[in-house]
N, C-alpha and C. Protein backbone atom coordinates (compact mmCIF):
# COMPACT_ATOMS: atom_id res chain seq x y z
N MET A 1 92.55 65.89 -25.43
CA MET A 1 92.76 64.30 -25.41
C MET A 1 91.92 63.84 -24.31
N ILE A 2 91.74 64.79 -23.23
CA ILE A 2 90.92 63.98 -22.01
C ILE A 2 89.31 64.40 -22.30
N ILE A 3 89.22 65.32 -23.01
CA ILE A 3 87.68 65.53 -23.47
C ILE A 3 87.53 64.39 -24.54
N LYS A 4 88.25 64.07 -25.22
CA LYS A 4 87.82 62.98 -26.42
C LYS A 4 87.84 61.59 -25.62
N VAL A 5 88.53 61.42 -24.52
CA VAL A 5 88.33 60.18 -23.75
C VAL A 5 86.89 60.25 -23.11
N ILE A 6 86.53 61.31 -22.62
CA ILE A 6 85.34 61.62 -22.04
C ILE A 6 84.32 61.55 -23.02
N TYR A 7 84.24 62.11 -23.99
CA TYR A 7 83.26 61.84 -25.10
C TYR A 7 82.88 60.51 -25.47
N THR A 8 84.07 59.85 -25.70
CA THR A 8 84.01 58.34 -26.11
C THR A 8 83.36 57.57 -25.11
N PHE A 9 83.59 57.78 -23.94
CA PHE A 9 83.03 57.03 -22.68
C PHE A 9 81.43 57.44 -22.64
N ILE A 10 81.12 58.73 -22.59
CA ILE A 10 79.75 58.91 -22.96
C ILE A 10 78.91 58.26 -23.96
N MET A 11 79.59 58.16 -25.14
CA MET A 11 78.89 57.59 -26.15
C MET A 11 78.87 56.07 -25.99
N PHE A 12 79.72 55.42 -25.54
CA PHE A 12 79.48 54.14 -24.80
C PHE A 12 78.49 53.73 -23.93
N PHE A 13 78.17 54.75 -22.96
CA PHE A 13 77.16 54.61 -22.13
C PHE A 13 75.74 54.86 -22.67
N GLU A 14 75.85 55.63 -23.86
CA GLU A 14 74.68 56.02 -24.48
C GLU A 14 74.08 54.61 -25.28
N ILE A 15 75.16 54.16 -25.87
CA ILE A 15 74.78 52.90 -26.59
C ILE A 15 74.41 51.85 -25.82
N MET A 16 75.19 51.62 -24.64
CA MET A 16 74.59 50.80 -23.68
C MET A 16 72.91 51.00 -23.26
N THR A 17 72.88 52.07 -23.02
CA THR A 17 71.47 52.35 -22.38
C THR A 17 70.35 52.13 -23.59
N ILE A 18 70.80 52.51 -24.80
CA ILE A 18 69.71 52.10 -26.00
C ILE A 18 69.69 50.76 -25.99
N ILE A 19 70.70 49.93 -25.88
CA ILE A 19 70.42 48.47 -26.10
C ILE A 19 69.78 48.05 -24.96
N TYR A 20 69.83 48.73 -23.66
CA TYR A 20 69.21 48.05 -22.36
C TYR A 20 67.70 48.42 -22.61
N ILE A 21 67.26 49.62 -23.13
CA ILE A 21 65.96 50.11 -23.45
C ILE A 21 65.33 49.10 -24.42
N VAL A 22 65.98 49.02 -25.56
CA VAL A 22 65.45 48.05 -26.52
C VAL A 22 65.25 46.53 -25.98
N GLY A 23 66.26 46.19 -25.51
CA GLY A 23 66.10 44.77 -24.82
C GLY A 23 65.10 44.46 -23.76
N HIS A 24 64.91 45.49 -23.03
CA HIS A 24 64.04 45.37 -21.79
C HIS A 24 62.74 45.77 -22.02
N TRP A 25 62.50 46.74 -22.80
CA TRP A 25 61.03 47.27 -23.01
C TRP A 25 60.64 46.43 -24.36
N LEU A 26 61.23 46.33 -25.28
CA LEU A 26 60.76 45.63 -26.58
C LEU A 26 60.56 44.27 -26.43
N PHE A 27 61.72 43.86 -26.09
CA PHE A 27 61.96 42.16 -26.30
C PHE A 27 61.91 41.49 -25.24
N ARG A 28 61.87 42.26 -23.96
CA ARG A 28 61.71 41.40 -22.57
C ARG A 28 62.96 40.45 -22.50
N ILE A 29 64.17 40.59 -22.99
CA ILE A 29 65.19 39.58 -22.79
C ILE A 29 65.82 39.58 -21.48
N LYS A 30 65.52 38.85 -20.71
CA LYS A 30 65.90 39.09 -19.19
C LYS A 30 67.38 38.86 -18.99
N LEU A 31 67.91 37.99 -19.82
CA LEU A 31 69.45 37.75 -19.60
C LEU A 31 70.24 39.14 -19.88
N VAL A 32 69.93 39.67 -21.02
CA VAL A 32 70.87 40.79 -21.64
C VAL A 32 70.32 42.11 -20.65
N SER A 33 69.05 42.08 -20.41
CA SER A 33 68.68 43.20 -19.49
C SER A 33 69.19 43.29 -18.01
N LYS A 34 69.40 41.92 -17.61
CA LYS A 34 70.11 41.71 -16.29
C LYS A 34 71.51 42.19 -16.08
N TYR A 35 72.33 41.94 -17.10
CA TYR A 35 73.63 42.25 -17.28
C TYR A 35 73.77 43.81 -17.38
N PHE A 36 73.06 44.39 -18.17
CA PHE A 36 72.99 45.65 -18.70
C PHE A 36 72.54 46.59 -17.38
N ARG A 37 71.56 45.96 -16.75
CA ARG A 37 70.99 46.81 -15.66
C ARG A 37 72.06 46.88 -14.53
N GLU A 38 72.93 45.65 -14.21
CA GLU A 38 73.89 45.80 -13.24
C GLU A 38 75.13 46.61 -13.81
N PHE A 39 75.38 46.89 -14.98
CA PHE A 39 76.28 47.71 -15.47
C PHE A 39 75.90 49.26 -15.50
N LEU A 40 74.58 49.29 -15.45
CA LEU A 40 73.88 50.92 -15.63
C LEU A 40 73.47 51.29 -14.38
N ALA A 41 73.26 50.27 -13.19
CA ALA A 41 72.77 50.37 -11.99
C ALA A 41 73.30 51.90 -11.44
N PRO A 42 74.75 52.03 -11.25
CA PRO A 42 75.11 53.41 -10.64
C PRO A 42 74.54 54.43 -11.34
N LEU A 43 74.44 54.46 -12.47
CA LEU A 43 73.84 55.82 -13.12
C LEU A 43 72.48 55.63 -13.20
N LEU A 44 71.63 54.40 -13.14
CA LEU A 44 70.26 54.68 -13.06
C LEU A 44 69.45 54.76 -11.70
N GLU A 45 70.18 54.37 -10.61
CA GLU A 45 69.54 54.54 -9.22
C GLU A 45 69.09 56.01 -8.87
N PRO A 46 70.10 56.69 -9.13
CA PRO A 46 69.64 58.23 -8.65
C PRO A 46 68.71 58.57 -9.60
N LEU A 47 68.51 58.27 -10.84
CA LEU A 47 67.28 58.80 -11.68
C LEU A 47 66.20 58.08 -11.32
N GLU A 48 66.11 57.10 -10.88
CA GLU A 48 65.03 56.22 -10.41
C GLU A 48 64.44 57.16 -9.02
N LYS A 49 65.01 57.32 -8.31
CA LYS A 49 64.62 58.23 -7.01
C LYS A 49 64.17 59.37 -7.39
N LEU A 50 64.74 60.14 -8.33
CA LEU A 50 64.11 61.23 -8.88
C LEU A 50 62.87 61.04 -9.49
N SER A 51 62.89 60.12 -10.38
CA SER A 51 61.34 59.96 -11.16
C SER A 51 60.23 59.41 -10.28
N LYS A 52 60.74 58.71 -9.24
CA LYS A 52 59.68 58.30 -8.20
C LYS A 52 59.17 59.49 -7.37
N LYS A 53 59.92 60.48 -7.22
CA LYS A 53 59.42 61.70 -6.47
C LYS A 53 58.82 62.71 -7.44
N SER A 54 58.87 62.46 -8.83
CA SER A 54 58.15 63.48 -9.60
C SER A 54 56.76 63.28 -9.94
N ILE A 55 56.17 64.17 -10.66
CA ILE A 55 54.76 64.26 -10.95
C ILE A 55 54.51 63.10 -12.02
N MET A 56 55.48 62.83 -12.91
CA MET A 56 55.21 62.21 -13.88
C MET A 56 55.92 60.47 -13.53
N TYR A 57 55.45 60.11 -12.29
CA TYR A 57 55.96 58.74 -11.76
C TYR A 57 54.86 57.86 -12.37
N MET A 58 55.22 56.80 -13.17
CA MET A 58 54.48 55.61 -13.40
C MET A 58 54.95 54.33 -12.96
N PRO A 59 54.28 53.58 -11.86
CA PRO A 59 54.98 52.62 -11.54
C PRO A 59 54.97 51.25 -12.53
N ILE A 60 54.30 51.42 -13.62
CA ILE A 60 54.25 50.25 -14.60
C ILE A 60 55.40 50.53 -15.46
N ILE A 61 55.88 51.68 -15.87
CA ILE A 61 57.00 51.81 -16.85
C ILE A 61 58.19 52.56 -16.08
N ASP A 62 59.38 52.02 -16.14
CA ASP A 62 60.65 52.62 -15.49
C ASP A 62 61.16 53.63 -16.56
N LEU A 63 60.94 54.97 -16.17
CA LEU A 63 61.40 56.07 -17.20
C LEU A 63 62.77 56.27 -16.92
N SER A 64 63.54 55.74 -15.91
CA SER A 64 64.98 56.21 -15.58
C SER A 64 65.91 55.88 -16.98
N PRO A 65 65.67 54.74 -17.61
CA PRO A 65 66.72 54.79 -18.55
C PRO A 65 66.70 55.98 -19.82
N ILE A 66 65.39 56.27 -19.87
CA ILE A 66 65.07 57.48 -20.80
C ILE A 66 65.62 58.75 -20.33
N LEU A 67 65.70 59.06 -18.99
CA LEU A 67 66.20 60.02 -18.34
C LEU A 67 67.67 60.16 -18.45
N LEU A 68 68.16 58.94 -18.19
CA LEU A 68 69.67 58.62 -18.38
C LEU A 68 69.99 59.18 -20.01
N LEU A 69 69.21 58.41 -20.84
CA LEU A 69 69.73 58.80 -22.06
C LEU A 69 69.71 60.34 -22.58
N ILE A 70 68.64 61.03 -22.09
CA ILE A 70 68.40 62.38 -22.24
C ILE A 70 69.59 63.00 -21.37
N VAL A 71 69.94 62.88 -20.25
CA VAL A 71 71.05 63.38 -19.59
C VAL A 71 72.53 63.28 -20.44
N LEU A 72 72.81 62.09 -20.76
CA LEU A 72 74.01 61.67 -21.53
C LEU A 72 74.14 62.38 -22.84
N ILE A 73 72.90 62.46 -23.47
CA ILE A 73 73.15 63.28 -24.80
C ILE A 73 73.21 64.70 -24.47
N TYR A 74 72.72 65.18 -23.39
CA TYR A 74 72.72 66.76 -22.98
C TYR A 74 74.46 66.87 -22.76
N ILE A 75 74.86 66.11 -21.87
CA ILE A 75 76.40 66.17 -21.45
C ILE A 75 77.23 66.06 -22.69
N GLU A 76 76.97 65.11 -23.76
CA GLU A 76 77.63 64.98 -25.08
C GLU A 76 77.63 66.07 -25.75
N GLN A 77 76.55 66.80 -25.89
CA GLN A 77 76.40 68.06 -26.47
C GLN A 77 77.19 69.04 -26.12
N ILE A 78 77.40 69.32 -24.81
CA ILE A 78 78.07 70.35 -23.98
C ILE A 78 79.66 69.86 -24.22
N ILE A 79 79.90 68.69 -24.17
CA ILE A 79 81.32 68.32 -24.58
C ILE A 79 81.71 68.48 -25.92
N TYR A 80 80.77 68.20 -26.80
CA TYR A 80 81.08 68.30 -28.42
C TYR A 80 81.41 69.76 -28.72
N LYS A 81 80.99 70.78 -27.90
CA LYS A 81 81.30 72.04 -28.15
C LYS A 81 82.67 72.62 -27.84
N PHE A 82 83.13 71.73 -26.99
CA PHE A 82 84.42 72.13 -26.54
C PHE A 82 85.74 71.23 -27.47
N LEU A 83 85.09 70.50 -28.28
CA LEU A 83 86.28 69.75 -29.30
C LEU A 83 86.45 70.63 -30.31
């Protein structure tokens, strides 16, 4: 039961991250990206710090949403094995 709740929670964050990426990178929708950014900020900030210290740091493009999506998909796959 708890694993299903966590799985659903992670799926929700994946969808929110995808909407943020599409809205921010492709359409530059400021209003949508602002609210999604505030919602995802606790998850994105540690990844931003990590990406700024890495070799693949690009100041033009923020890669933290992509990193967040990869991490969430990885965690989702681990939890899916327990279901």
